[in-house]
Amino acid sequence: MSREIIVRSPATIANFGPGFDIFALALEGPSDVLKIRPARRGDIVIRVSGGYPDLPTKPEDNTAGLAALHFFRRTGADGGADIEIIKRMPSCAGLGSSAASAVAAVFGLDKIYRTGLEPHDIIEMASLGEAASGGTPHADNVAACALGGFVFVRSTRPLHVEKFLVPSIPVVVRVRKKDRTTTRGLIPAEFSLARMKEQMAGCAAVILAVLQGDIEDIGASINRDHISEPVRSRSIPGYDDLKRKVLETGAFGCNVSGGGSSVFAVCAEEKLETVAAAMRAFGDPGGAEPEVFVTRSSNEGVKEIHGL
């Protein structure tokens, strides 16, 4: 049995435009790191470092802790877990931070206890851990974090996820922490037929652009959404003006990242710094001080690393 494992878990953009709860993209950075050690049977200890004192450490309230509970229940592994979460990405910002913790926990425990989990099993258990953050299990961020690349959740019952390799897609993310844990409950349950036709066409356009590796078309396809963006953009002060300015700089597309309140843009490589500068220069009407990340898509998901 391993004494300790160190796991790196990447940030992800869920929904990725119109794909509410079914699309996500893995990013090169930022990422979180978890140190996981075996513990006495039944013990699950969560510690957090990296300047996030508000994150819960009670296992049932922490996505890594809840995922670990499901791991032991499902596998019957004889032991416990001592998990240190080293935060290197913003939490509550729509970058899949909670999913990263859940995936890393299950991935690391599988290595320690040699339970031989398949990627499908890791995604399913980590999705159950996500309920500690979002209230309900969902697999979009979790799948992209586990597998890397662009993922499409084809089915939730049974869980069926497809991964597509992607080109190096330049991405700029303006990170702004949201004011509430989840905005999921604000999204309407019903939409007009006309809206849903447009939404389905938008989802098909994203998949086609990814398969063709066309970055400009990927950006154009993520630029419109009728389900998540209209609701979640309301909690981002000045969102419409920000999006307009980002597109005016030459970005191919711009939208809300995951559950918000971060905003991401897809652009050409030569436009990265211009788009990033536009995001930095945009004064937040709400008085917050957003952080801007320049990053890219990644075909690599969660992995074991050696040292920090």
C-alpha atoms as a PDB file:
ATOM      1  CA  MET A   1       0.000   0.000   0.000  1.00  0.00           C
ATOM      2  CA  SER A   2       1.320   3.466  -0.899  1.00  0.00           C
ATOM      3  CA  ARG A   3       2.092   5.707   2.063  1.00  0.00           C
ATOM      4  CA  GLU A   4       1.324   8.960   0.246  1.00  0.00           C
ATOM      5  CA  ILE A   5       0.305  10.080  -3.200  1.00  0.00           C
ATOM      6  CA  ILE A   6       0.352  13.585  -4.671  1.00  0.00           C
ATOM      7  CA  VAL A   7      -2.269  14.299  -7.334  1.00  0.00           C
ATOM      8  CA  ARG A   8      -2.641  17.241  -9.700  1.00  0.00           C
ATOM      9  CA  SER A   9      -6.180  18.029 -10.811  1.00  0.00           C
ATOM     10  CA  PRO A  10      -6.857  20.624 -13.564  1.00  0.00           C
ATOM     11  CA  ALA A  11      -9.372  23.427 -13.849  1.00  0.00           C
ATOM     12  CA  THR A  12     -12.232  22.915 -16.270  1.00  0.00           C
ATOM     13  CA  ILE A  13     -14.856  24.995 -18.061  1.00  0.00           C
ATOM     14  CA  ALA A  14     -18.259  23.327 -17.772  1.00  0.00           C
ATOM     15  CA  ASN A  15     -21.184  23.912 -20.146  1.00  0.00           C
ATOM     16  CA  PHE A  16     -18.607  25.283 -22.627  1.00  0.00           C
ATOM     17  CA  GLY A  17     -21.163  27.561 -24.225  1.00  0.00           C
ATOM     18  CA  PRO A  18     -24.498  25.882 -24.947  1.00  0.00           C
ATOM     19  CA  GLY A  19     -23.749  22.442 -23.440  1.00  0.00           C
ATOM     20  CA  PHE A  20     -25.491  22.838 -20.083  1.00  0.00           C
ATOM     21  CA  ASP A  21     -24.371  19.960 -17.837  1.00  0.00           C
ATOM     22  CA  ILE A  22     -23.120  17.944 -20.833  1.00  0.00           C
ATOM     23  CA  PHE A  23     -19.990  19.746 -22.154  1.00  0.00           C
ATOM     24  CA  ALA A  24     -16.714  20.604 -20.448  1.00  0.00           C
ATOM     25  CA  LEU A  25     -13.141  21.452 -21.412  1.00  0.00           C
ATOM     26  CA  ALA A  26      -9.978  20.725 -19.421  1.00  0.00           C
ATOM     27  CA  LEU A  27      -7.406  23.514 -19.076  1.00  0.00           C
ATOM     28  CA  GLU A  28      -3.610  23.533 -18.744  1.00  0.00           C
ATOM     29  CA  GLY A  29      -3.979  25.741 -15.686  1.00  0.00           C
ATOM     30  CA  PRO A  30      -4.732  26.635 -13.034  1.00  0.00           C
ATOM     31  CA  SER A  31      -4.883  23.392 -11.051  1.00  0.00           C
ATOM     32  CA  ASP A  32      -5.182  22.050  -7.517  1.00  0.00           C
ATOM     33  CA  VAL A  33      -2.910  19.568  -5.764  1.00  0.00           C
ATOM     34  CA  LEU A  34      -4.013  16.985  -3.207  1.00  0.00           C
ATOM     35  CA  LYS A  35      -1.768  15.027  -0.856  1.00  0.00           C
ATOM     36  CA  ILE A  36      -3.512  11.809   0.111  1.00  0.00           C
ATOM     37  CA  ARG A  37      -2.405   9.343   2.768  1.00  0.00           C
ATOM     38  CA  PRO A  38      -4.027   6.176   4.122  1.00  0.00           C
ATOM     39  CA  ALA A  39      -5.654   6.414   7.538  1.00  0.00           C
ATOM     40  CA  ARG A  40      -7.433   4.196  10.060  1.00  0.00           C
ATOM     41  CA  ARG A  41     -10.537   2.429   8.833  1.00  0.00           C
ATOM     42  CA  GLY A  42     -13.504   4.808   8.840  1.00  0.00           C
ATOM     43  CA  ASP A  43     -11.419   7.963   9.347  1.00  0.00           C
ATOM     44  CA  ILE A  44     -11.581  10.719   6.740  1.00  0.00           C
ATOM     45  CA  VAL A  45      -9.614  13.845   7.585  1.00  0.00           C
ATOM     46  CA  ILE A  46      -9.732  16.936   5.349  1.00  0.00           C
ATOM     47  CA  ARG A  47      -7.228  19.780   5.610  1.00  0.00           C
ATOM     48  CA  VAL A  48      -7.031  22.822   3.334  1.00  0.00           C
ATOM     49  CA  SER A  49      -4.019  25.029   2.639  1.00  0.00           C
ATOM     50  CA  GLY A  50      -3.419  27.809   0.168  1.00  0.00           C
ATOM     51  CA  GLY A  51      -5.424  30.651   1.651  1.00  0.00           C
ATOM     52  CA  TYR A  52      -9.008  29.374   1.546  1.00  0.00           C
ATOM     53  CA  PRO A  53     -10.087  29.249   5.207  1.00  0.00           C
ATOM     54  CA  ASP A  54     -13.802  29.183   4.336  1.00  0.00           C
ATOM     55  CA  LEU A  55     -13.706  25.803   2.613  1.00  0.00           C
ATOM     56  CA  PRO A  56     -15.458  23.147   4.734  1.00  0.00           C
ATOM     57  CA  THR A  57     -13.365  20.374   6.262  1.00  0.00           C
ATOM     58  CA  LYS A  58     -16.225  18.174   7.447  1.00  0.00           C
ATOM     59  CA  PRO A  59     -16.110  15.215   4.999  1.00  0.00           C
ATOM     60  CA  GLU A  60     -19.831  15.331   4.185  1.00  0.00           C
ATOM     61  CA  ASP A  61     -19.576  19.039   3.275  1.00  0.00           C
ATOM     62  CA  ASN A  62     -16.368  18.865   1.246  1.00  0.00           C
ATOM     63  CA  THR A  63     -16.379  17.447  -2.282  1.00  0.00           C
ATOM     64  CA  ALA A  64     -13.151  15.504  -1.739  1.00  0.00           C
ATOM     65  CA  GLY A  65     -14.438  14.177   1.591  1.00  0.00           C
ATOM     66  CA  LEU A  66     -17.835  13.179   0.214  1.00  0.00           C
ATOM     67  CA  ALA A  67     -16.205  11.520  -2.802  1.00  0.00           C
ATOM     68  CA  ALA A  68     -13.928   9.614  -0.416  1.00  0.00           C
ATOM     69  CA  LEU A  69     -16.949   8.421   1.568  1.00  0.00           C
ATOM     70  CA  HIS A  70     -18.505   7.073  -1.628  1.00  0.00           C
ATOM     71  CA  PHE A  71     -15.186   5.469  -2.597  1.00  0.00           C
ATOM     72  CA  PHE A  72     -15.023   3.426   0.612  1.00  0.00           C
ATOM     73  CA  ARG A  73     -18.710   2.499   0.447  1.00  0.00           C
ATOM     74  CA  ARG A  74     -18.480   1.365  -3.161  1.00  0.00           C
ATOM     75  CA  THR A  75     -15.124  -0.439  -3.065  1.00  0.00           C
ATOM     76  CA  GLY A  76     -15.092  -1.792   0.492  1.00  0.00           C
ATOM     77  CA  ALA A  77     -11.429  -0.752   0.775  1.00  0.00           C
ATOM     78  CA  ASP A  78     -10.145  -1.410   4.285  1.00  0.00           C
ATOM     79  CA  GLY A  79      -8.897   1.938   5.522  1.00  0.00           C
ATOM     80  CA  GLY A  80      -9.454   5.662   5.652  1.00  0.00           C
ATOM     81  CA  ALA A  81      -8.081   8.835   4.115  1.00  0.00           C
ATOM     82  CA  ASP A  82      -6.013  11.804   5.228  1.00  0.00           C
ATOM     83  CA  ILE A  83      -6.470  14.415   2.497  1.00  0.00           C
ATOM     84  CA  GLU A  84      -4.660  17.751   2.264  1.00  0.00           C
ATOM     85  CA  ILE A  85      -6.110  20.042  -0.402  1.00  0.00           C
ATOM     86  CA  ILE A  86      -3.536  22.540  -1.638  1.00  0.00           C
ATOM     87  CA  LYS A  87      -5.623  25.203  -3.383  1.00  0.00           C
ATOM     88  CA  ARG A  88      -4.019  26.701  -6.462  1.00  0.00           C
ATOM     89  CA  MET A  89      -7.177  27.709  -8.255  1.00  0.00           C
ATOM     90  CA  PRO A  90     -10.035  29.970  -7.173  1.00  0.00           C
ATOM     91  CA  SER A  91     -13.016  28.295  -5.550  1.00  0.00           C
ATOM     92  CA  CYS A  92     -16.675  29.200  -6.192  1.00  0.00           C
ATOM     93  CA  ALA A  93     -15.741  30.789  -9.512  1.00  0.00           C
ATOM     94  CA  GLY A  94     -16.944  28.389 -12.189  1.00  0.00           C
ATOM     95  CA  LEU A  95     -13.606  26.690 -12.894  1.00  0.00           C
ATOM     96  CA  GLY A  96     -14.428  23.260 -11.526  1.00  0.00           C
ATOM     97  CA  SER A  97     -12.523  23.628  -8.264  1.00  0.00           C
ATOM     98  CA  SER A  98     -14.953  21.389  -6.393  1.00  0.00           C
ATOM     99  CA  ALA A  99     -14.801  18.771  -9.149  1.00  0.00           C
ATOM    100  CA  ALA A 100     -10.997  18.865  -9.086  1.00  0.00           C
ATOM    101  CA  SER A 101     -10.969  17.970  -5.389  1.00  0.00           C
ATOM    102  CA  ALA A 102     -13.484  15.151  -5.839  1.00  0.00           C
ATOM    103  CA  VAL A 103     -11.685  13.614  -8.818  1.00  0.00           C
ATOM    104  CA  ALA A 104      -8.268  13.838  -7.180  1.00  0.00           C
ATOM    105  CA  ALA A 105      -9.575  12.188  -4.016  1.00  0.00           C
ATOM    106  CA  VAL A 106     -11.038   9.158  -5.807  1.00  0.00           C
ATOM    107  CA  PHE A 107      -8.099   8.889  -8.223  1.00  0.00           C
ATOM    108  CA  GLY A 108      -5.575   8.998  -5.371  1.00  0.00           C
ATOM    109  CA  LEU A 109      -7.445   6.571  -3.127  1.00  0.00           C
ATOM    110  CA  ASP A 110      -7.745   4.128  -6.011  1.00  0.00           C
ATOM    111  CA  LYS A 111      -3.952   4.224  -6.373  1.00  0.00           C
ATOM    112  CA  ILE A 112      -3.328   3.856  -2.621  1.00  0.00           C
ATOM    113  CA  TYR A 113      -5.747   0.970  -2.079  1.00  0.00           C
ATOM    114  CA  ARG A 114      -5.199  -0.617  -5.518  1.00  0.00           C
ATOM    115  CA  THR A 115      -8.910  -1.005  -6.179  1.00  0.00           C
ATOM    116  CA  GLY A 116      -8.504  -1.028  -9.972  1.00  0.00           C
ATOM    117  CA  LEU A 117     -11.180   1.526 -10.765  1.00  0.00           C
ATOM    118  CA  GLU A 118     -11.958   2.313 -14.385  1.00  0.00           C
ATOM    119  CA  PRO A 119     -12.210   5.987 -15.458  1.00  0.00           C
ATOM    120  CA  HIS A 120     -16.001   5.527 -15.586  1.00  0.00           C
ATOM    121  CA  ASP A 121     -16.001   4.533 -11.886  1.00  0.00           C
ATOM    122  CA  ILE A 122     -13.844   7.503 -10.899  1.00  0.00           C
ATOM    123  CA  ILE A 123     -16.158   9.897 -12.739  1.00  0.00           C
ATOM    124  CA  GLU A 124     -19.260   8.393 -11.139  1.00  0.00           C
ATOM    125  CA  MET A 125     -17.911   8.493  -7.559  1.00  0.00           C
ATOM    126  CA  ALA A 126     -16.483  11.981  -7.987  1.00  0.00           C
ATOM    127  CA  SER A 127     -19.832  13.159  -9.412  1.00  0.00           C
ATOM    128  CA  LEU A 128     -21.499  12.009  -6.191  1.00  0.00           C
ATOM    129  CA  GLY A 129     -18.909  14.056  -4.289  1.00  0.00           C
ATOM    130  CA  GLU A 130     -19.878  17.130  -6.316  1.00  0.00           C
ATOM    131  CA  ALA A 131     -23.216  17.135  -4.510  1.00  0.00           C
ATOM    132  CA  ALA A 132     -21.414  18.716  -1.527  1.00  0.00           C
ATOM    133  CA  SER A 133     -20.971  21.842  -3.643  1.00  0.00           C
ATOM    134  CA  GLY A 134     -23.736  21.964  -6.246  1.00  0.00           C
ATOM    135  CA  GLY A 135     -26.462  20.128  -4.355  1.00  0.00           C
ATOM    136  CA  THR A 136     -26.892  17.483  -7.070  1.00  0.00           C
ATOM    137  CA  PRO A 137     -24.412  15.107  -8.741  1.00  0.00           C
ATOM    138  CA  HIS A 138     -23.303  16.249 -12.202  1.00  0.00           C
ATOM    139  CA  ALA A 139     -20.530  14.859 -14.359  1.00  0.00           C
ATOM    140  CA  ASP A 140     -19.439  17.632 -16.741  1.00  0.00           C
ATOM    141  CA  ASN A 141     -16.549  19.207 -14.788  1.00  0.00           C
ATOM    142  CA  VAL A 142     -15.716  15.871 -13.192  1.00  0.00           C
ATOM    143  CA  ALA A 143     -15.410  14.065 -16.535  1.00  0.00           C
ATOM    144  CA  ALA A 144     -13.188  16.734 -18.104  1.00  0.00           C
ATOM    145  CA  CYS A 145     -11.006  16.811 -15.000  1.00  0.00           C
ATOM    146  CA  ALA A 146     -10.660  13.025 -14.974  1.00  0.00           C
ATOM    147  CA  LEU A 147     -10.108  12.530 -18.704  1.00  0.00           C
ATOM    148  CA  GLY A 148      -8.785  15.816 -20.094  1.00  0.00           C
ATOM    149  CA  GLY A 149      -9.774  17.196 -23.491  1.00  0.00           C
ATOM    150  CA  PHE A 150     -13.348  18.064 -24.430  1.00  0.00           C
ATOM    151  CA  VAL A 151     -16.011  15.832 -22.935  1.00  0.00           C
ATOM    152  CA  PHE A 152     -19.614  15.183 -23.861  1.00  0.00           C
ATOM    153  CA  VAL A 153     -21.877  13.551 -21.277  1.00  0.00           C
ATOM    154  CA  ARG A 154     -24.063  11.410 -23.551  1.00  0.00           C
ATOM    155  CA  SER A 155     -26.126   9.937 -20.740  1.00  0.00           C
ATOM    156  CA  THR A 156     -26.396  10.219 -16.972  1.00  0.00           C
ATOM    157  CA  ARG A 157     -28.445   7.049 -16.377  1.00  0.00           C
ATOM    158  CA  PRO A 158     -26.410   5.052 -17.112  1.00  0.00           C
ATOM    159  CA  LEU A 159     -23.406   7.365 -17.072  1.00  0.00           C
ATOM    160  CA  HIS A 160     -21.806   7.502 -20.521  1.00  0.00           C
ATOM    161  CA  VAL A 161     -19.103  10.054 -21.314  1.00  0.00           C
ATOM    162  CA  GLU A 162     -17.256  10.646 -24.578  1.00  0.00           C
ATOM    163  CA  LYS A 163     -13.845  12.326 -24.705  1.00  0.00           C
ATOM    164  CA  PHE A 164     -12.554  14.152 -27.771  1.00  0.00           C
ATOM    165  CA  LEU A 165      -8.962  15.273 -28.217  1.00  0.00           C
ATOM    166  CA  VAL A 166      -8.708  18.990 -28.898  1.00  0.00           C
ATOM    167  CA  PRO A 167      -6.158  21.263 -30.520  1.00  0.00           C
ATOM    168  CA  SER A 168      -4.381  23.766 -28.287  1.00  0.00           C
ATOM    169  CA  ILE A 169      -7.254  26.216 -27.853  1.00  0.00           C
ATOM    170  CA  PRO A 170      -6.119  29.613 -26.490  1.00  0.00           C
ATOM    171  CA  VAL A 171      -8.364  30.598 -23.578  1.00  0.00           C
ATOM    172  CA  VAL A 172      -8.491  33.708 -21.390  1.00  0.00           C
ATOM    173  CA  VAL A 173     -10.436  33.485 -18.134  1.00  0.00           C
ATOM    174  CA  ARG A 174     -11.506  36.448 -16.029  1.00  0.00           C
ATOM    175  CA  VAL A 175     -12.039  34.982 -12.599  1.00  0.00           C
ATOM    176  CA  ARG A 176     -14.605  36.539 -10.319  1.00  0.00           C
ATOM    177  CA  LYS A 177     -15.863  34.675  -7.272  1.00  0.00           C
ATOM    178  CA  LYS A 178     -19.633  34.295  -7.253  1.00  0.00           C
ATOM    179  CA  ASP A 179     -21.772  35.660  -4.460  1.00  0.00           C
ATOM    180  CA  ARG A 180     -23.646  32.403  -3.846  1.00  0.00           C
ATOM    181  CA  THR A 181     -22.552  28.780  -3.783  1.00  0.00           C
ATOM    182  CA  THR A 182     -24.753  27.708  -6.694  1.00  0.00           C
ATOM    183  CA  THR A 183     -27.080  29.426  -9.167  1.00  0.00           C
ATOM    184  CA  ARG A 184     -28.430  26.128 -10.487  1.00  0.00           C
ATOM    185  CA  GLY A 185     -31.819  26.604  -8.833  1.00  0.00           C
ATOM    186  CA  LEU A 186     -32.388  29.881 -10.710  1.00  0.00           C
ATOM    187  CA  ILE A 187     -32.311  28.263 -14.154  1.00  0.00           C
ATOM    188  CA  PRO A 188     -35.826  27.734 -15.611  1.00  0.00           C
ATOM    189  CA  ALA A 189     -37.094  24.182 -16.031  1.00  0.00           C
ATOM    190  CA  GLU A 190     -38.940  24.919 -19.275  1.00  0.00           C
ATOM    191  CA  PHE A 191     -38.008  26.687 -22.527  1.00  0.00           C
ATOM    192  CA  SER A 192     -39.834  27.415 -25.764  1.00  0.00           C
ATOM    193  CA  LEU A 193     -39.490  24.993 -28.660  1.00  0.00           C
ATOM    194  CA  ALA A 194     -37.813  27.706 -30.750  1.00  0.00           C
ATOM    195  CA  ARG A 195     -35.187  28.293 -28.058  1.00  0.00           C
ATOM    196  CA  MET A 196     -34.514  24.583 -27.698  1.00  0.00           C
ATOM    197  CA  LYS A 197     -34.050  24.155 -31.438  1.00  0.00           C
ATOM    198  CA  GLU A 198     -31.430  26.894 -31.380  1.00  0.00           C
ATOM    199  CA  GLN A 199     -29.796  25.331 -28.317  1.00  0.00           C
ATOM    200  CA  MET A 200     -29.584  21.895 -29.960  1.00  0.00           C
ATOM    201  CA  ALA A 201     -28.120  23.432 -33.100  1.00  0.00           C
ATOM    202  CA  GLY A 202     -25.560  25.268 -30.957  1.00  0.00           C
ATOM    203  CA  CYS A 203     -24.515  22.053 -29.201  1.00  0.00           C
ATOM    204  CA  ALA A 204     -24.129  20.264 -32.533  1.00  0.00           C
ATOM    205  CA  ALA A 205     -22.039  23.182 -33.812  1.00  0.00           C
ATOM    206  CA  VAL A 206     -19.653  22.911 -30.844  1.00  0.00           C
ATOM    207  CA  ILE A 207     -19.113  19.180 -31.375  1.00  0.00           C
ATOM    208  CA  LEU A 208     -18.568  19.657 -35.118  1.00  0.00           C
ATOM    209  CA  ALA A 209     -16.056  22.466 -34.525  1.00  0.00           C
ATOM    210  CA  VAL A 210     -14.167  20.346 -31.963  1.00  0.00           C
ATOM    211  CA  LEU A 211     -14.057  17.353 -34.313  1.00  0.00           C
ATOM    212  CA  GLN A 212     -12.772  19.577 -37.117  1.00  0.00           C
ATOM    213  CA  GLY A 213     -10.237  21.244 -34.810  1.00  0.00           C
ATOM    214  CA  ASP A 214     -11.373  24.669 -36.011  1.00  0.00           C
ATOM    215  CA  ILE A 215     -10.553  27.117 -33.205  1.00  0.00           C
ATOM    216  CA  GLU A 216     -12.356  30.046 -34.804  1.00  0.00           C
ATOM    217  CA  ASP A 217     -15.509  27.954 -35.203  1.00  0.00           C
ATOM    218  CA  ILE A 218     -15.163  26.593 -31.660  1.00  0.00           C
ATOM    219  CA  GLY A 219     -15.153  30.173 -30.408  1.00  0.00           C
ATOM    220  CA  ALA A 220     -18.120  31.173 -32.538  1.00  0.00           C
ATOM    221  CA  SER A 221     -20.077  28.116 -31.378  1.00  0.00           C
ATOM    222  CA  ILE A 222     -19.613  28.779 -27.652  1.00  0.00           C
ATOM    223  CA  ASN A 223     -20.692  32.391 -27.990  1.00  0.00           C
ATOM    224  CA  ARG A 224     -24.427  31.843 -27.534  1.00  0.00           C
ATOM    225  CA  ASP A 225     -26.462  29.986 -24.928  1.00  0.00           C
ATOM    226  CA  HIS A 226     -30.147  30.181 -23.968  1.00  0.00           C
ATOM    227  CA  ILE A 227     -30.035  28.113 -20.761  1.00  0.00           C
ATOM    228  CA  SER A 228     -27.195  29.094 -18.441  1.00  0.00           C
ATOM    229  CA  GLU A 229     -25.803  32.393 -19.753  1.00  0.00           C
ATOM    230  CA  PRO A 230     -28.993  34.514 -19.397  1.00  0.00           C
ATOM    231  CA  VAL A 231     -29.317  33.538 -15.723  1.00  0.00           C
ATOM    232  CA  ARG A 232     -25.711  33.355 -14.590  1.00  0.00           C
ATOM    233  CA  SER A 233     -24.611  36.503 -16.403  1.00  0.00           C
ATOM    234  CA  ARG A 234     -26.962  38.490 -14.139  1.00  0.00           C
ATOM    235  CA  SER A 235     -24.606  37.886 -11.217  1.00  0.00           C
ATOM    236  CA  ILE A 236     -21.645  39.269 -13.192  1.00  0.00           C
ATOM    237  CA  PRO A 237     -21.753  43.086 -13.016  1.00  0.00           C
ATOM    238  CA  GLY A 238     -21.312  44.650 -16.451  1.00  0.00           C
ATOM    239  CA  TYR A 239     -21.335  41.283 -18.230  1.00  0.00           C
ATOM    240  CA  ASP A 240     -22.883  42.508 -21.496  1.00  0.00           C
ATOM    241  CA  ASP A 241     -20.393  45.378 -21.785  1.00  0.00           C
ATOM    242  CA  LEU A 242     -17.493  43.091 -20.912  1.00  0.00           C
ATOM    243  CA  LYS A 243     -18.516  40.527 -23.529  1.00  0.00           C
ATOM    244  CA  ARG A 244     -18.914  43.221 -26.165  1.00  0.00           C
ATOM    245  CA  LYS A 245     -15.453  44.655 -25.428  1.00  0.00           C
ATOM    246  CA  VAL A 246     -13.825  41.216 -25.494  1.00  0.00           C
ATOM    247  CA  LEU A 247     -15.398  40.393 -28.861  1.00  0.00           C
ATOM    248  CA  GLU A 248     -14.340  43.797 -30.205  1.00  0.00           C
ATOM    249  CA  THR A 249     -10.713  42.923 -29.449  1.00  0.00           C
ATOM    250  CA  GLY A 250     -11.002  40.001 -31.864  1.00  0.00           C
ATOM    251  CA  ALA A 251     -11.962  37.096 -29.590  1.00  0.00           C
ATOM    252  CA  PHE A 252     -13.900  34.407 -31.453  1.00  0.00           C
ATOM    253  CA  GLY A 253     -16.336  33.845 -28.600  1.00  0.00           C
ATOM    254  CA  CYS A 254     -17.035  34.686 -24.968  1.00  0.00           C
ATOM    255  CA  ASN A 255     -19.352  33.200 -22.347  1.00  0.00           C
ATOM    256  CA  VAL A 256     -19.858  32.426 -18.664  1.00  0.00           C
ATOM    257  CA  SER A 257     -17.515  29.775 -17.302  1.00  0.00           C
ATOM    258  CA  GLY A 258     -19.416  26.932 -15.655  1.00  0.00           C
ATOM    259  CA  GLY A 259     -21.677  28.120 -12.851  1.00  0.00           C
ATOM    260  CA  GLY A 260     -20.086  31.622 -12.901  1.00  0.00           C
ATOM    261  CA  SER A 261     -19.085  34.207 -12.058  1.00  0.00           C
ATOM    262  CA  SER A 262     -15.980  33.829 -14.189  1.00  0.00           C
ATOM    263  CA  VAL A 263     -15.987  34.678 -17.892  1.00  0.00           C
ATOM    264  CA  PHE A 264     -13.926  32.929 -20.552  1.00  0.00           C
ATOM    265  CA  ALA A 265     -13.006  33.782 -24.118  1.00  0.00           C
ATOM    266  CA  VAL A 266     -11.613  31.724 -27.001  1.00  0.00           C
ATOM    267  CA  CYS A 267      -9.276  33.539 -29.370  1.00  0.00           C
ATOM    268  CA  ALA A 268      -6.364  33.152 -31.760  1.00  0.00           C
ATOM    269  CA  GLU A 269      -2.907  32.682 -30.248  1.00  0.00           C
ATOM    270  CA  GLU A 270      -1.789  36.141 -31.374  1.00  0.00           C
ATOM    271  CA  LYS A 271      -4.797  37.729 -29.639  1.00  0.00           C
ATOM    272  CA  LEU A 272      -4.212  36.213 -26.185  1.00  0.00           C
ATOM    273  CA  GLU A 273      -2.557  39.228 -24.600  1.00  0.00           C
ATOM    274  CA  THR A 274      -4.943  41.691 -26.254  1.00  0.00           C
ATOM    275  CA  VAL A 275      -7.987  39.830 -24.952  1.00  0.00           C
ATOM    276  CA  ALA A 276      -6.383  39.445 -21.517  1.00  0.00           C
ATOM    277  CA  ALA A 277      -5.632  43.178 -21.414  1.00  0.00           C
ATOM    278  CA  ALA A 278      -9.261  43.991 -22.263  1.00  0.00           C
ATOM    279  CA  MET A 279     -10.435  41.789 -19.408  1.00  0.00           C
ATOM    280  CA  ARG A 280      -7.968  43.354 -16.960  1.00  0.00           C
ATOM    281  CA  ALA A 281      -8.898  46.866 -18.045  1.00  0.00           C
ATOM    282  CA  PHE A 282     -12.618  46.327 -17.573  1.00  0.00           C
ATOM    283  CA  GLY A 283     -13.572  47.963 -14.290  1.00  0.00           C
ATOM    284  CA  ASP A 284     -15.829  45.723 -12.239  1.00  0.00           C
ATOM    285  CA  PRO A 285     -19.030  47.684 -11.474  1.00  0.00           C
ATOM    286  CA  GLY A 286     -19.452  45.542  -8.383  1.00  0.00           C
ATOM    287  CA  GLY A 287     -16.130  46.689  -6.937  1.00  0.00           C
ATOM    288  CA  ALA A 288     -14.455  43.265  -7.062  1.00  0.00           C
ATOM    289  CA  GLU A 289     -10.876  42.740  -8.221  1.00  0.00           C
ATOM    290  CA  PRO A 290     -11.027  39.911 -10.739  1.00  0.00           C
ATOM    291  CA  GLU A 291      -7.948  37.892 -11.682  1.00  0.00           C
ATOM    292  CA  VAL A 292      -7.163  37.055 -15.312  1.00  0.00           C
ATOM    293  CA  PHE A 293      -5.599  33.757 -16.416  1.00  0.00           C
ATOM    294  CA  VAL A 294      -4.087  33.169 -19.844  1.00  0.00           C
ATOM    295  CA  THR A 295      -4.227  29.450 -20.507  1.00  0.00           C
ATOM    296  CA  ARG A 296      -5.060  26.775 -23.102  1.00  0.00           C
ATOM    297  CA  SER A 297      -7.036  23.602 -23.434  1.00  0.00           C
ATOM    298  CA  SER A 298      -5.370  20.383 -22.325  1.00  0.00           C
ATOM    299  CA  ASN A 299      -5.844  16.778 -23.343  1.00  0.00           C
ATOM    300  CA  GLU A 300      -4.427  15.667 -19.997  1.00  0.00           C
ATOM    301  CA  GLY A 301      -6.638  15.094 -16.972  1.00  0.00           C
ATOM    302  CA  VAL A 302      -5.925  14.189 -13.366  1.00  0.00           C
ATOM    303  CA  LYS A 303      -2.516  12.609 -12.763  1.00  0.00           C
ATOM    304  CA  GLU A 304      -0.050  11.604 -10.098  1.00  0.00           C
ATOM    305  CA  ILE A 305       2.896  13.957  -9.690  1.00  0.00           C
ATOM    306  CA  HIS A 306       6.117  13.628  -7.754  1.00  0.00           C
ATOM    307  CA  GLY A 307       6.721  16.618  -5.527  1.00  0.00           C
ATOM    308  CA  LEU A 308       5.190  20.084  -5.425  1.00  0.00           C
END
